């Protein structure tokens, strides 16, 4: 198996996926690059037990941060916090996958 044929995945909680799909819909309406593909993946995630390709989750987090930047002057602060919160949860989930597992023995 080559590395290009291996796709890493991540399982996210259902509420995070639902929130991300909702905000990605807004990103699609604002024509944020890459948001449509991410929205589709998150909308379909419940069919796969909320398992998503890691690259899609990374892209979704980036799209939501772009959405937050573009809408910062036009939305309520609570709505802006909600978008940023979901983006950060996605980013943190991706970073957790990239962290090496801790061992009980130090080097």
PDB file of N, CA and C in Angstrom:
ATOM      1  N   UNK A   1       0.840  -1.175   0.000  1.00  0.00           N
ATOM      2  CA  UNK A   1       0.000   0.000   0.000  1.00  0.00           C
ATOM      3  C   UNK A   1       0.887   1.240   0.000  1.00  0.00           C
ATOM      4  N   UNK A   2       0.620   2.146  -0.885  1.00  0.00           N
ATOM      5  CA  UNK A   2       1.395   3.381  -0.916  1.00  0.00           C
ATOM      6  C   UNK A   2       0.745   4.402  -0.014  1.00  0.00           C
ATOM      7  N   UNK A   3       1.506   5.400   0.370  1.00  0.00           N
ATOM      8  CA  UNK A   3       0.968   6.417   1.263  1.00  0.00           C
ATOM      9  C   UNK A   3      -0.135   7.218   0.584  1.00  0.00           C
ATOM     10  N   UNK A   4      -0.087   7.362  -0.734  1.00  0.00           N
ATOM     11  CA  UNK A   4      -1.124   8.123  -1.412  1.00  0.00           C
ATOM     12  C   UNK A   4      -2.460   7.399  -1.410  1.00  0.00           C
ATOM     13  N   UNK A   5      -2.454   6.066  -1.280  1.00  0.00           N
ATOM     14  CA  UNK A   5      -3.713   5.331  -1.247  1.00  0.00           C
ATOM     15  C   UNK A   5      -4.270   5.206   0.159  1.00  0.00           C
ATOM     16  N   UNK A   6      -3.514   5.621   1.152  1.00  0.00           N
ATOM     17  CA  UNK A   6      -3.953   5.545   2.541  1.00  0.00           C
ATOM     18  C   UNK A   6      -4.528   6.894   2.946  1.00  0.00           C
ATOM     19  N   UNK A   7      -5.786   6.889   3.306  1.00  0.00           N
ATOM     20  CA  UNK A   7      -6.445   8.127   3.714  1.00  0.00           C
ATOM     21  C   UNK A   7      -6.747   8.064   5.199  1.00  0.00           C
ATOM     22  N   UNK A   8      -6.155   8.945   5.959  1.00  0.00           N
ATOM     23  CA  UNK A   8      -6.409   8.983   7.395  1.00  0.00           C
ATOM     24  C   UNK A   8      -7.794   9.562   7.637  1.00  0.00           C
ATOM     25  N   UNK A   9      -8.466   9.017   8.621  1.00  0.00           N
ATOM     26  CA  UNK A   9      -9.801   9.490   8.957  1.00  0.00           C
ATOM     27  C   UNK A   9      -9.850   9.878  10.420  1.00  0.00           C
ATOM     28  N   UNK A  10     -10.918  10.563  10.751  1.00  0.00           N
ATOM     29  CA  UNK A  10     -11.146  10.999  12.123  1.00  0.00           C
ATOM     30  C   UNK A  10     -12.647  10.860  12.402  1.00  0.00           C
ATOM     31  N   UNK A  11     -12.976  10.449  13.598  1.00  0.00           N
ATOM     32  CA  UNK A  11     -14.373  10.356  14.008  1.00  0.00           C
ATOM     33  C   UNK A  11     -14.676  11.550  14.909  1.00  0.00           C
ATOM     34  N   UNK A  12     -15.695  12.285  14.544  1.00  0.00           N
ATOM     35  CA  UNK A  12     -16.085  13.473  15.295  1.00  0.00           C
ATOM     36  C   UNK A  12     -17.426  13.245  15.977  1.00  0.00           C
ATOM     37  N   UNK A  13     -17.675  13.946  17.068  1.00  0.00           N
ATOM     38  CA  UNK A  13     -18.996  13.849  17.709  1.00  0.00           C
ATOM     39  C   UNK A  13     -20.082  14.403  16.773  1.00  0.00           C
ATOM     40  N   UNK A  14     -21.253  13.801  16.838  1.00  0.00           N
ATOM     41  CA  UNK A  14     -22.365  14.216  15.979  1.00  0.00           C
ATOM     42  C   UNK A  14     -22.687  15.709  16.095  1.00  0.00           C
ATOM     43  N   UNK A  15     -22.739  16.282  17.320  1.00  0.00           N
ATOM     44  CA  UNK A  15     -23.063  17.712  17.404  1.00  0.00           C
ATOM     45  C   UNK A  15     -22.034  18.603  16.697  1.00  0.00           C
ATOM     46  N   UNK A  16     -20.775  18.221  16.750  1.00  0.00           N
ATOM     47  CA  UNK A  16     -19.739  19.004  16.073  1.00  0.00           C
ATOM     48  C   UNK A  16     -19.947  18.929  14.558  1.00  0.00           C
ATOM     49  N   UNK A  17     -20.237  17.741  14.060  1.00  0.00           N
ATOM     50  CA  UNK A  17     -20.492  17.586  12.621  1.00  0.00           C
ATOM     51  C   UNK A  17     -21.709  18.399  12.189  1.00  0.00           C
ATOM     52  N   UNK A  18     -22.767  18.341  12.981  1.00  0.00           N
ATOM     53  CA  UNK A  18     -23.979  19.087  12.647  1.00  0.00           C
ATOM     54  C   UNK A  18     -23.726  20.590  12.647  1.00  0.00           C
ATOM     55  N   UNK A  19     -23.007  21.071  13.670  1.00  0.00           N
ATOM     56  CA  UNK A  19     -22.675  22.498  13.728  1.00  0.00           C
ATOM     57  C   UNK A  19     -21.792  22.903  12.556  1.00  0.00           C
ATOM     58  N   UNK A  20     -20.808  22.073  12.248  1.00  0.00           N
ATOM     59  CA  UNK A  20     -19.913  22.377  11.131  1.00  0.00           C
ATOM     60  C   UNK A  20     -20.697  22.433   9.820  1.00  0.00           C
ATOM     61  N   UNK A  21     -21.596  21.480   9.605  1.00  0.00           N
ATOM     62  CA  UNK A  21     -22.403  21.471   8.376  1.00  0.00           C
ATOM     63  C   UNK A  21     -23.232  22.741   8.267  1.00  0.00           C
ATOM     64  N   UNK A  22     -23.804  23.166   9.379  1.00  0.00           N
ATOM     65  CA  UNK A  22     -24.613  24.394   9.379  1.00  0.00           C
ATOM     66  C   UNK A  22     -23.769  25.608   8.990  1.00  0.00           C
ATOM     67  N   UNK A  23     -22.609  25.750   9.609  1.00  0.00           N
ATOM     68  CA  UNK A  23     -21.752  26.898   9.321  1.00  0.00           C
ATOM     69  C   UNK A  23     -21.129  26.796   7.929  1.00  0.00           C
ATOM     70  N   UNK A  24     -20.847  25.579   7.489  1.00  0.00           N
ATOM     71  CA  UNK A  24     -20.318  25.420   6.133  1.00  0.00           C
ATOM     72  C   UNK A  24     -21.358  25.828   5.090  1.00  0.00           C
ATOM     73  N   UNK A  25     -22.627  25.645   5.397  1.00  0.00           N
ATOM     74  CA  UNK A  25     -23.692  26.119   4.505  1.00  0.00           C
ATOM     75  C   UNK A  25     -23.585  27.631   4.324  1.00  0.00           C
ATOM     76  N   UNK A  26     -23.329  28.325   5.423  1.00  0.00           N
ATOM     77  CA  UNK A  26     -23.139  29.774   5.352  1.00  0.00           C
ATOM     78  C   UNK A  26     -21.899  30.123   4.537  1.00  0.00           C
ATOM     79  N   UNK A  27     -20.846  29.325   4.687  1.00  0.00           N
ATOM     80  CA  UNK A  27     -19.618  29.561   3.927  1.00  0.00           C
ATOM     81  C   UNK A  27     -19.871  29.359   2.435  1.00  0.00           C
ATOM     82  N   UNK A  28     -20.685  28.372   2.091  1.00  0.00           N
ATOM     83  CA  UNK A  28     -21.025  28.151   0.682  1.00  0.00           C
ATOM     84  C   UNK A  28     -21.783  29.355   0.144  1.00  0.00           C
ATOM     85  N   UNK A  29     -22.706  29.881   0.920  1.00  0.00           N
ATOM     86  CA  UNK A  29     -23.472  31.048   0.488  1.00  0.00           C
ATOM     87  C   UNK A  29     -22.579  32.265   0.269  1.00  0.00           C
ATOM     88  N   UNK A  30     -21.488  32.345   1.012  1.00  0.00           N
ATOM     89  CA  UNK A  30     -20.531  33.446   0.842  1.00  0.00           C
ATOM     90  C   UNK A  30     -19.437  33.107  -0.166  1.00  0.00           C
ATOM     91  N   UNK A  31     -19.566  31.948  -0.803  1.00  0.00           N
ATOM     92  CA  UNK A  31     -18.637  31.500  -1.847  1.00  0.00           C
ATOM     93  C   UNK A  31     -17.200  31.337  -1.330  1.00  0.00           C
ATOM     94  N   UNK A  32     -17.048  30.777  -0.139  1.00  0.00           N
ATOM     95  CA  UNK A  32     -15.720  30.478   0.403  1.00  0.00           C
ATOM     96  C   UNK A  32     -15.185  29.258  -0.343  1.00  0.00           C
ATOM     97  N   UNK A  33     -13.982  29.385  -0.894  1.00  0.00           N
ATOM     98  CA  UNK A  33     -13.381  28.285  -1.653  1.00  0.00           C
ATOM     99  C   UNK A  33     -13.289  27.019  -0.811  1.00  0.00           C
ATOM    100  N   UNK A  34     -13.731  25.912  -1.372  1.00  0.00           N
ATOM    101  CA  UNK A  34     -13.627  24.619  -0.721  1.00  0.00           C
ATOM    102  C   UNK A  34     -14.765  24.284   0.223  1.00  0.00           C
ATOM    103  N   UNK A  35     -15.632  25.232   0.491  1.00  0.00           N
ATOM    104  CA  UNK A  35     -16.696  25.007   1.465  1.00  0.00           C
ATOM    105  C   UNK A  35     -17.748  24.017   0.969  1.00  0.00           C
ATOM    106  N   UNK A  36     -18.033  24.014  -0.307  1.00  0.00           N
ATOM    107  CA  UNK A  36     -19.092  23.137  -0.830  1.00  0.00           C
ATOM    108  C   UNK A  36     -18.742  21.664  -0.644  1.00  0.00           C
ATOM    109  N   UNK A  37     -17.527  21.293  -0.952  1.00  0.00           N
ATOM    110  CA  UNK A  37     -17.111  19.896  -0.791  1.00  0.00           C
ATOM    111  C   UNK A  37     -17.122  19.497   0.678  1.00  0.00           C
ATOM    112  N   UNK A  38     -16.667  20.386   1.537  1.00  0.00           N
ATOM    113  CA  UNK A  38     -16.669  20.102   2.975  1.00  0.00           C
ATOM    114  C   UNK A  38     -18.095  19.978   3.495  1.00  0.00           C
ATOM    115  N   UNK A  39     -18.965  20.877   3.058  1.00  0.00           N
ATOM    116  CA  UNK A  39     -20.354  20.827   3.498  1.00  0.00           C
ATOM    117  C   UNK A  39     -20.983  19.487   3.131  1.00  0.00           C
ATOM    118  N   UNK A  40     -20.743  19.058   1.902  1.00  0.00           N
ATOM    119  CA  UNK A  40     -21.291  17.781   1.447  1.00  0.00           C
ATOM    120  C   UNK A  40     -20.774  16.633   2.327  1.00  0.00           C
ATOM    121  N   UNK A  41     -19.489  16.621   2.613  1.00  0.00           N
ATOM    122  CA  UNK A  41     -18.910  15.559   3.438  1.00  0.00           C
ATOM    123  C   UNK A  41     -19.503  15.567   4.842  1.00  0.00           C
ATOM    124  N   UNK A  42     -19.677  16.741   5.426  1.00  0.00           N
ATOM    125  CA  UNK A  42     -20.225  16.820   6.769  1.00  0.00           C
ATOM    126  C   UNK A  42     -21.709  16.472   6.789  1.00  0.00           C
ATOM    127  N   UNK A  43     -22.438  16.826   5.747  1.00  0.00           N
ATOM    128  CA  UNK A  43     -23.862  16.464   5.656  1.00  0.00           C
ATOM    129  C   UNK A  43     -24.025  14.942   5.539  1.00  0.00           C
ATOM    130  N   UNK A  44     -23.088  14.276   4.892  1.00  0.00           N
ATOM    131  CA  UNK A  44     -23.148  12.834   4.706  1.00  0.00           C
ATOM    132  C   UNK A  44     -22.495  12.057   5.854  1.00  0.00           C
ATOM    133  N   UNK A  45     -21.887  12.738   6.799  1.00  0.00           N
ATOM    134  CA  UNK A  45     -21.115  12.077   7.849  1.00  0.00           C
ATOM    135  C   UNK A  45     -21.952  11.156   8.725  1.00  0.00           C
ATOM    136  N   UNK A  46     -23.231  11.467   8.907  1.00  0.00           N
ATOM    137  CA  UNK A  46     -24.044  10.600   9.767  1.00  0.00           C
ATOM    138  C   UNK A  46     -24.233   9.216   9.152  1.00  0.00           C
ATOM    139  N   UNK A  47     -24.088   9.105   7.850  1.00  0.00           N
ATOM    140  CA  UNK A  47     -24.191   7.807   7.184  1.00  0.00           C
ATOM    141  C   UNK A  47     -22.944   6.951   7.413  1.00  0.00           C
ATOM    142  N   UNK A  48     -21.862   7.578   7.847  1.00  0.00           N
ATOM    143  CA  UNK A  48     -20.610   6.853   8.070  1.00  0.00           C
ATOM    144  C   UNK A  48     -20.171   6.938   9.532  1.00  0.00           C
ATOM    145  N   UNK A  49     -21.132   7.071  10.434  1.00  0.00           N
ATOM    146  CA  UNK A  49     -20.835   7.171  11.872  1.00  0.00           C
ATOM    147  C   UNK A  49     -19.887   8.324  12.183  1.00  0.00           C
ATOM    148  N   UNK A  50     -20.021   9.405  11.433  1.00  0.00           N
ATOM    149  CA  UNK A  50     -19.268  10.638  11.664  1.00  0.00           C
ATOM    150  C   UNK A  50     -17.769  10.453  11.485  1.00  0.00           C
ATOM    151  N   UNK A  51     -17.411   9.587  10.552  1.00  0.00           N
ATOM    152  CA  UNK A  51     -16.018   9.381  10.179  1.00  0.00           C
ATOM    153  C   UNK A  51     -15.762  10.204   8.926  1.00  0.00           C
ATOM    154  N   UNK A  52     -14.766  11.062   9.005  1.00  0.00           N
ATOM    155  CA  UNK A  52     -14.433  11.956   7.894  1.00  0.00           C
ATOM    156  C   UNK A  52     -12.946  11.870   7.583  1.00  0.00           C
ATOM    157  N   UNK A  53     -12.579  12.089   6.323  1.00  0.00           N
ATOM    158  CA  UNK A  53     -11.154  12.166   6.003  1.00  0.00           C
ATOM    159  C   UNK A  53     -10.519  13.343   6.744  1.00  0.00           C
ATOM    160  N   UNK A  54      -9.346  13.125   7.235  1.00  0.00           N
ATOM    161  CA  UNK A  54      -8.633  14.157   7.988  1.00  0.00           C
ATOM    162  C   UNK A  54      -8.466  15.426   7.163  1.00  0.00           C
ATOM    163  N   UNK A  55      -8.167  15.277   5.884  1.00  0.00           N
ATOM    164  CA  UNK A  55      -7.972  16.444   5.019  1.00  0.00           C
ATOM    165  C   UNK A  55      -9.246  17.275   4.907  1.00  0.00           C
ATOM    166  N   UNK A  56     -10.401  16.631   4.905  1.00  0.00           N
ATOM    167  CA  UNK A  56     -11.672  17.355   4.821  1.00  0.00           C
ATOM    168  C   UNK A  56     -11.903  18.157   6.098  1.00  0.00           C
ATOM    169  N   UNK A  57     -11.577  17.570   7.228  1.00  0.00           N
ATOM    170  CA  UNK A  57     -11.754  18.271   8.506  1.00  0.00           C
ATOM    171  C   UNK A  57     -10.818  19.478   8.568  1.00  0.00           C
ATOM    172  N   UNK A  58      -9.589  19.303   8.116  1.00  0.00           N
ATOM    173  CA  UNK A  58      -8.641  20.427   8.074  1.00  0.00           C
ATOM    174  C   UNK A  58      -9.160  21.537   7.172  1.00  0.00           C
ATOM    175  N   UNK A  59      -9.656  21.164   6.001  1.00  0.00           N
ATOM    176  CA  UNK A  59     -10.167  22.156   5.053  1.00  0.00           C
ATOM    177  C   UNK A  59     -11.409  22.842   5.611  1.00  0.00           C
ATOM    178  N   UNK A  60     -12.267  22.096   6.271  1.00  0.00           N
ATOM    179  CA  UNK A  60     -13.473  22.687   6.860  1.00  0.00           C
ATOM    180  C   UNK A  60     -13.111  23.719   7.919  1.00  0.00           C
ATOM    181  N   UNK A  61     -12.133  23.400   8.757  1.00  0.00           N
ATOM    182  CA  UNK A  61     -11.695  24.361   9.780  1.00  0.00           C
ATOM    183  C   UNK A  61     -11.199  25.641   9.120  1.00  0.00           C
ATOM    184  N   UNK A  62     -10.425  25.505   8.066  1.00  0.00           N
ATOM    185  CA  UNK A  62      -9.918  26.683   7.358  1.00  0.00           C
ATOM    186  C   UNK A  62     -11.058  27.481   6.737  1.00  0.00           C
ATOM    187  N   UNK A  63     -12.021  26.798   6.128  1.00  0.00           N
ATOM    188  CA  UNK A  63     -13.171  27.481   5.524  1.00  0.00           C
ATOM    189  C   UNK A  63     -13.959  28.256   6.571  1.00  0.00           C
ATOM    190  N   UNK A  64     -14.135  27.668   7.748  1.00  0.00           N
ATOM    191  CA  UNK A  64     -14.892  28.344   8.792  1.00  0.00           C
ATOM    192  C   UNK A  64     -14.142  29.559   9.333  1.00  0.00           C
ATOM    193  N   UNK A  65     -12.835  29.481   9.383  1.00  0.00           N
ATOM    194  CA  UNK A  65     -12.062  30.654   9.809  1.00  0.00           C
ATOM    195  C   UNK A  65     -12.144  31.771   8.770  1.00  0.00           C
ATOM    196  N   UNK A  66     -12.161  31.404   7.497  1.00  0.00           N
ATOM    197  CA  UNK A  66     -12.354  32.406   6.433  1.00  0.00           C
ATOM    198  C   UNK A  66     -13.741  33.019   6.574  1.00  0.00           C
ATOM    199  N   UNK A  67     -14.751  32.181   6.801  1.00  0.00           N
ATOM    200  CA  UNK A  67     -16.111  32.682   7.001  1.00  0.00           C
ATOM    201  C   UNK A  67     -16.154  33.661   8.167  1.00  0.00           C
ATOM    202  N   UNK A  68     -15.517  33.318   9.269  1.00  0.00           N
ATOM    203  CA  UNK A  68     -15.498  34.203  10.437  1.00  0.00           C
ATOM    204  C   UNK A  68     -14.852  35.539  10.100  1.00  0.00           C
ATOM    205  N   UNK A  69     -13.770  35.496   9.348  1.00  0.00           N
ATOM    206  CA  UNK A  69     -13.081  36.729   8.968  1.00  0.00           C
ATOM    207  C   UNK A  69     -13.950  37.593   8.062  1.00  0.00           C
ATOM    208  N   UNK A  70     -14.578  36.948   7.085  1.00  0.00           N
ATOM    209  CA  UNK A  70     -15.385  37.698   6.119  1.00  0.00           C
ATOM    210  C   UNK A  70     -16.687  38.234   6.709  1.00  0.00           C
ATOM    211  N   UNK A  71     -17.191  37.593   7.743  1.00  0.00           N
ATOM    212  CA  UNK A  71     -18.477  38.014   8.295  1.00  0.00           C
ATOM    213  C   UNK A  71     -18.350  38.743   9.632  1.00  0.00           C
ATOM    214  N   UNK A  72     -17.148  38.999  10.080  1.00  0.00           N
ATOM    215  CA  UNK A  72     -16.922  39.577  11.405  1.00  0.00           C
ATOM    216  C   UNK A  72     -17.642  40.912  11.607  1.00  0.00           C
ATOM    217  N   UNK A  73     -17.760  41.707  10.569  1.00  0.00           N
ATOM    218  CA  UNK A  73     -18.371  43.025  10.704  1.00  0.00           C
ATOM    219  C   UNK A  73     -19.889  43.011  10.517  1.00  0.00           C
ATOM    220  N   UNK A  74     -20.435  41.875  10.100  1.00  0.00           N
ATOM    221  CA  UNK A  74     -21.854  41.859   9.743  1.00  0.00           C
ATOM    222  C   UNK A  74     -22.714  40.927  10.584  1.00  0.00           C
ATOM    223  N   UNK A  75     -22.116  40.142  11.486  1.00  0.00           N
ATOM    224  CA  UNK A  75     -22.902  39.211  12.301  1.00  0.00           C
ATOM    225  C   UNK A  75     -22.783  39.577  13.776  1.00  0.00           C
ATOM    226  N   UNK A  76     -23.717  39.047  14.550  1.00  0.00           N
ATOM    227  CA  UNK A  76     -23.677  39.259  16.001  1.00  0.00           C
ATOM    228  C   UNK A  76     -22.428  38.595  16.580  1.00  0.00           C
ATOM    229  N   UNK A  77     -21.897  39.149  17.649  1.00  0.00           N
ATOM    230  CA  UNK A  77     -20.723  38.535  18.284  1.00  0.00           C
ATOM    231  C   UNK A  77     -20.955  37.080  18.688  1.00  0.00           C
ATOM    232  N   UNK A  78     -22.150  36.748  19.134  1.00  0.00           N
ATOM    233  CA  UNK A  78     -22.416  35.363  19.527  1.00  0.00           C
ATOM    234  C   UNK A  78     -22.357  34.424  18.326  1.00  0.00           C
ATOM    235  N   UNK A  79     -22.822  34.886  17.171  1.00  0.00           N
ATOM    236  CA  UNK A  79     -22.757  34.068  15.957  1.00  0.00           C
ATOM    237  C   UNK A  79     -21.307  33.903  15.516  1.00  0.00           C
ATOM    238  N   UNK A  80     -20.537  34.958  15.640  1.00  0.00           N
ATOM    239  CA  UNK A  80     -19.119  34.888  15.292  1.00  0.00           C
ATOM    240  C   UNK A  80     -18.381  33.923  16.213  1.00  0.00           C
ATOM    241  N   UNK A  81     -18.672  33.982  17.510  1.00  0.00           N
ATOM    242  CA  UNK A  81     -18.059  33.053  18.465  1.00  0.00           C
ATOM    243  C   UNK A  81     -18.423  31.611  18.137  1.00  0.00           C
ATOM    244  N   UNK A  82     -19.652  31.388  17.703  1.00  0.00           N
ATOM    245  CA  UNK A  82     -20.090  30.029  17.368  1.00  0.00           C
ATOM    246  C   UNK A  82     -19.295  29.474  16.199  1.00  0.00           C
ATOM    247  N   UNK A  83     -19.106  30.269  15.153  1.00  0.00           N
ATOM    248  CA  UNK A  83     -18.341  29.822  13.984  1.00  0.00           C
ATOM    249  C   UNK A  83     -16.892  29.549  14.372  1.00  0.00           C
ATOM    250  N   UNK A  84     -16.310  30.465  15.099  1.00  0.00           N
ATOM    251  CA  UNK A  84     -14.915  30.298  15.519  1.00  0.00           C
ATOM    252  C   UNK A  84     -14.774  29.081  16.437  1.00  0.00           C
ATOM    253  N   UNK A  85     -15.743  28.889  17.318  1.00  0.00           N
ATOM    254  CA  UNK A  85     -15.694  27.745  18.229  1.00  0.00           C
ATOM    255  C   UNK A  85     -15.691  26.420  17.484  1.00  0.00           C
ATOM    256  N   UNK A  86     -16.533  26.295  16.473  1.00  0.00           N
ATOM    257  CA  UNK A  86     -16.570  25.058  15.681  1.00  0.00           C
ATOM    258  C   UNK A  86     -15.258  24.892  14.918  1.00  0.00           C
ATOM    259  N   UNK A  87     -14.764  25.970  14.331  1.00  0.00           N
ATOM    260  CA  UNK A  87     -13.495  25.897  13.597  1.00  0.00           C
ATOM    261  C   UNK A  87     -12.368  25.430  14.510  1.00  0.00           C
ATOM    262  N   UNK A  88     -12.333  25.945  15.721  1.00  0.00           N
ATOM    263  CA  UNK A  88     -11.278  25.562  16.657  1.00  0.00           C
ATOM    264  C   UNK A  88     -11.435  24.114  17.119  1.00  0.00           C
ATOM    265  N   UNK A  89     -12.682  23.653  17.303  1.00  0.00           N
ATOM    266  CA  UNK A  89     -12.888  22.249  17.678  1.00  0.00           C
ATOM    267  C   UNK A  89     -12.399  21.329  16.571  1.00  0.00           C
ATOM    268  N   UNK A  90     -12.665  21.698  15.318  1.00  0.00           N
ATOM    269  CA  UNK A  90     -12.186  20.887  14.195  1.00  0.00           C
ATOM    270  C   UNK A  90     -10.664  20.892  14.146  1.00  0.00           C
ATOM    271  N   UNK A  91     -10.081  22.077  14.289  1.00  0.00           N
ATOM    272  CA  UNK A  91      -8.622  22.187  14.250  1.00  0.00           C
ATOM    273  C   UNK A  91      -7.978  21.401  15.385  1.00  0.00           C
ATOM    274  N   UNK A  92      -8.551  21.488  16.574  1.00  0.00           N
ATOM    275  CA  UNK A  92      -8.009  20.750  17.718  1.00  0.00           C
ATOM    276  C   UNK A  92      -8.101  19.240  17.502  1.00  0.00           C
ATOM    277  N   UNK A  93      -9.190  18.789  16.904  1.00  0.00           N
ATOM    278  CA  UNK A  93      -9.340  17.358  16.627  1.00  0.00           C
ATOM    279  C   UNK A  93      -8.267  16.885  15.654  1.00  0.00           C
ATOM    280  N   UNK A  94      -7.989  17.675  14.638  1.00  0.00           N
ATOM    281  CA  UNK A  94      -6.953  17.322  13.664  1.00  0.00           C
ATOM    282  C   UNK A  94      -5.585  17.314  14.336  1.00  0.00           C
ATOM    283  N   UNK A  95      -5.317  18.310  15.145  1.00  0.00           N
ATOM    284  CA  UNK A  95      -4.026  18.371  15.836  1.00  0.00           C
ATOM    285  C   UNK A  95      -3.850  17.195  16.789  1.00  0.00           C
ATOM    286  N   UNK A  96      -4.931  16.756  17.421  1.00  0.00           N
ATOM    287  CA  UNK A  96      -4.841  15.614  18.333  1.00  0.00           C
ATOM    288  C   UNK A  96      -4.439  14.348  17.583  1.00  0.00           C
ATOM    289  N   UNK A  97      -4.888  14.207  16.354  1.00  0.00           N
ATOM    290  CA  UNK A  97      -4.509  13.043  15.546  1.00  0.00           C
ATOM    291  C   UNK A  97      -3.030  13.098  15.205  1.00  0.00           C
ATOM    292  N   UNK A  98      -2.523  14.295  14.991  1.00  0.00           N
ATOM    293  CA  UNK A  98      -1.118  14.452  14.615  1.00  0.00           C
ATOM    294  C   UNK A  98      -0.159  14.324  15.801  1.00  0.00           C
ATOM    295  N   UNK A  99      -0.668  14.415  17.035  1.00  0.00           N
ATOM    296  CA  UNK A  99       0.194  14.318  18.212  1.00  0.00           C
ATOM    297  C   UNK A  99       0.651  12.872  18.402  1.00  0.00           C
ATOM    298  N   UNK A 100       1.905  12.685  18.724  1.00  0.00           N
ATOM    299  CA  UNK A 100       2.362  11.316  19.003  1.00  0.00           C
ATOM    300  C   UNK A 100       1.736  10.811  20.295  1.00  0.00           C
ATOM    301  N   UNK A 101       1.519   9.534  20.349  1.00  0.00           N
ATOM    302  CA  UNK A 101       0.967   8.932  21.563  1.00  0.00           C
ATOM    303  C   UNK A 101       1.982   9.046  22.688  1.00  0.00           C
ATOM    304  N   UNK A 102       1.505   9.377  23.866  1.00  0.00           N
ATOM    305  CA  UNK A 102       2.389   9.486  25.016  1.00  0.00           C
ATOM    306  C   UNK A 102       2.690   8.098  25.555  1.00  0.00           C
ATOM    307  N   UNK A 103       3.928   7.895  25.900  1.00  0.00           N
ATOM    308  CA  UNK A 103       4.313   6.622  26.511  1.00  0.00           C
ATOM    309  C   UNK A 103       4.551   6.858  27.993  1.00  0.00           C
ATOM    310  N   UNK A 104       4.492   5.802  28.758  1.00  0.00           N
ATOM    311  CA  UNK A 104       4.698   5.954  30.189  1.00  0.00           C
ATOM    312  C   UNK A 104       6.175   6.091  30.536  1.00  0.00           C
ATOM    313  N   UNK A 105       7.046   5.672  29.636  1.00  0.00           N
ATOM    314  CA  UNK A 105       8.476   5.760  29.900  1.00  0.00           C
ATOM    315  C   UNK A 105       9.073   6.965  29.181  1.00  0.00           C
ATOM    316  N   UNK A 106       9.812   7.805  29.902  1.00  0.00           N
ATOM    317  CA  UNK A 106      10.491   8.900  29.207  1.00  0.00           C
ATOM    318  C   UNK A 106      11.650   8.342  28.357  1.00  0.00           C
ATOM    319  N   UNK A 107      12.124   9.115  27.476  1.00  0.00           N
ATOM    320  CA  UNK A 107      13.200   8.687  26.564  1.00  0.00           C
ATOM    321  C   UNK A 107      14.275   8.017  27.357  1.00  0.00           C
TER     322      UNK A 107
END
